[in-house]
Amino acid sequence: MKQFYYYGYYKLILFKEKKILSKYNLVPSIFLAYLIIGASLSLLNPTILFLYKLSIAMYFFAVLFNTLAVIKYPADIIPTIIAVFLGHVSYGWGFIVSAIKNG
């Protein structure tokens, strides 16, 4: 996961040097911000909590669907889902930390 963190961290630095950044590079950091802000807001209202849980479930179903398309062994399903989630969070965190440190 450290490697994904550094991918996110240095993507912003690379963008500043070579102006190579896609909207897809922003998705993991937006996802991480959504996880944090959504968890906080879900404490305020049961409807927000329901929508938050629904969106998280949709994310994991999307990851599961894509995982099933590429794995060979059923025992790899859960570890792959966990790795994809942690990869998204690590990349997003690295990108956010880089934005804060390097402006």
Protein backbone atom coordinates (compact mmCIF):
# COMPACT_ATOMS: atom_id res chain seq x y z
CA MET A 1 0.00 0.00 0.00
CA LYS A 2 2.98 2.26 0.50
CA GLN A 3 3.61 2.10 -3.23
CA PHE A 4 0.07 3.35 -3.98
CA TYR A 5 0.56 6.15 -1.47
CA TYR A 6 3.68 7.27 -3.34
CA TYR A 7 1.91 6.97 -6.70
CA GLY A 8 -0.70 9.41 -5.43
CA TYR A 9 1.86 11.64 -3.74
CA TYR A 10 4.11 12.03 -6.78
CA LYS A 11 1.30 12.26 -9.33
CA LEU A 12 0.63 15.86 -8.31
CA ILE A 13 4.33 16.71 -8.43
CA LEU A 14 4.61 15.12 -11.88
CA PHE A 15 1.58 17.12 -12.99
CA LYS A 16 3.25 20.37 -11.97
CA GLU A 17 6.34 19.48 -14.00
CA LYS A 18 4.81 17.95 -17.11
CA LYS A 19 1.14 18.99 -16.95
CA ILE A 20 -0.01 15.36 -17.17
CA LEU A 21 -3.10 14.83 -15.06
CA SER A 22 -6.36 13.13 -15.88
CA LYS A 23 -9.68 13.50 -14.11
CA TYR A 24 -9.25 9.84 -13.20
CA ASN A 25 -6.25 10.75 -11.05
CA LEU A 26 -8.55 12.78 -8.81
CA VAL A 27 -11.06 10.00 -8.19
CA PRO A 28 -9.25 8.21 -5.30
CA SER A 29 -8.75 11.47 -3.37
CA ILE A 30 -12.38 12.47 -3.94
CA PHE A 31 -13.41 8.98 -2.80
CA LEU A 32 -11.35 9.29 0.38
CA ALA A 33 -12.79 12.74 1.11
CA TYR A 34 -16.26 11.30 0.54
CA LEU A 35 -15.57 8.48 3.02
CA ILE A 36 -14.49 10.93 5.70
CA ILE A 37 -17.09 13.64 5.12
CA GLY A 38 -19.87 11.11 4.51
CA ALA A 39 -19.12 9.28 7.74
CA SER A 40 -19.25 12.57 9.65
CA LEU A 41 -22.49 13.73 8.03
CA SER A 42 -24.13 10.33 8.45
CA LEU A 43 -24.06 10.86 12.20
CA LEU A 44 -26.44 13.80 11.81
CA ASN A 45 -29.36 12.19 10.04
CA PRO A 46 -30.61 8.61 9.51
CA THR A 47 -31.44 9.35 5.86
CA ILE A 48 -27.88 10.49 5.20
CA LEU A 49 -26.62 7.38 6.99
CA PHE A 50 -28.78 5.17 4.75
CA LEU A 51 -27.58 6.90 1.57
CA TYR A 52 -23.98 6.73 2.76
CA LYS A 53 -24.23 2.99 3.47
CA LEU A 54 -25.96 2.45 0.13
CA SER A 55 -23.21 4.24 -1.78
CA ILE A 56 -20.49 2.29 0.04
CA ALA A 57 -22.33 -0.96 -0.76
CA MET A 58 -22.53 0.07 -4.42
CA TYR A 59 -18.78 0.71 -4.43
CA PHE A 60 -18.04 -2.73 -3.00
CA PHE A 61 -20.45 -4.41 -5.44
CA ALA A 62 -18.65 -2.66 -8.31
CA VAL A 63 -15.30 -3.86 -6.97
CA LEU A 64 -16.72 -7.37 -6.50
CA PHE A 65 -18.09 -7.42 -10.05
CA ASN A 66 -14.74 -6.36 -11.50
CA THR A 67 -12.89 -8.78 -9.23
CA LEU A 68 -15.00 -11.69 -10.42
CA ALA A 69 -14.14 -10.77 -14.00
CA VAL A 70 -10.39 -11.14 -13.47
CA ILE A 71 -9.67 -13.68 -10.72
CA LYS A 72 -9.05 -17.37 -11.30
CA TYR A 73 -9.57 -18.76 -7.79
CA PRO A 74 -12.54 -18.07 -5.50
CA ALA A 75 -10.22 -17.78 -2.51
CA ASP A 76 -8.81 -14.61 -4.08
CA ILE A 77 -12.11 -12.70 -3.98
CA ILE A 78 -11.93 -11.22 -0.47
CA PRO A 79 -8.19 -10.41 -0.50
CA THR A 80 -8.57 -8.72 -3.89
CA ILE A 81 -11.50 -6.58 -2.73
CA ILE A 82 -9.55 -5.52 0.37
CA ALA A 83 -6.44 -4.75 -1.72
CA VAL A 84 -8.42 -2.63 -4.21
CA PHE A 85 -10.08 -0.66 -1.40
CA LEU A 86 -6.78 -0.08 0.40
CA GLY A 87 -5.13 0.86 -2.89
CA HIS A 88 -7.77 3.51 -3.57
CA VAL A 89 -7.51 4.90 -0.04
CA SER A 90 -3.68 4.90 -0.09
CA TYR A 91 -3.48 6.62 -3.48
CA GLY A 92 -6.08 9.19 -2.42
CA TRP A 93 -4.28 9.88 0.85
CA GLY A 94 -0.97 10.34 -0.93
CA PHE A 95 -2.52 12.76 -3.41
CA ILE A 96 -4.16 14.79 -0.62
CA VAL A 97 -0.95 14.90 1.44
CA SER A 98 0.98 16.04 -1.64
CA ALA A 99 -1.59 18.77 -2.34
CA ILE A 100 -1.27 20.04 1.23
CA LYS A 101 2.55 19.90 1.37
CA ASN A 102 3.34 21.04 -2.15
CA GLY A 103 0.34 23.30 -2.79
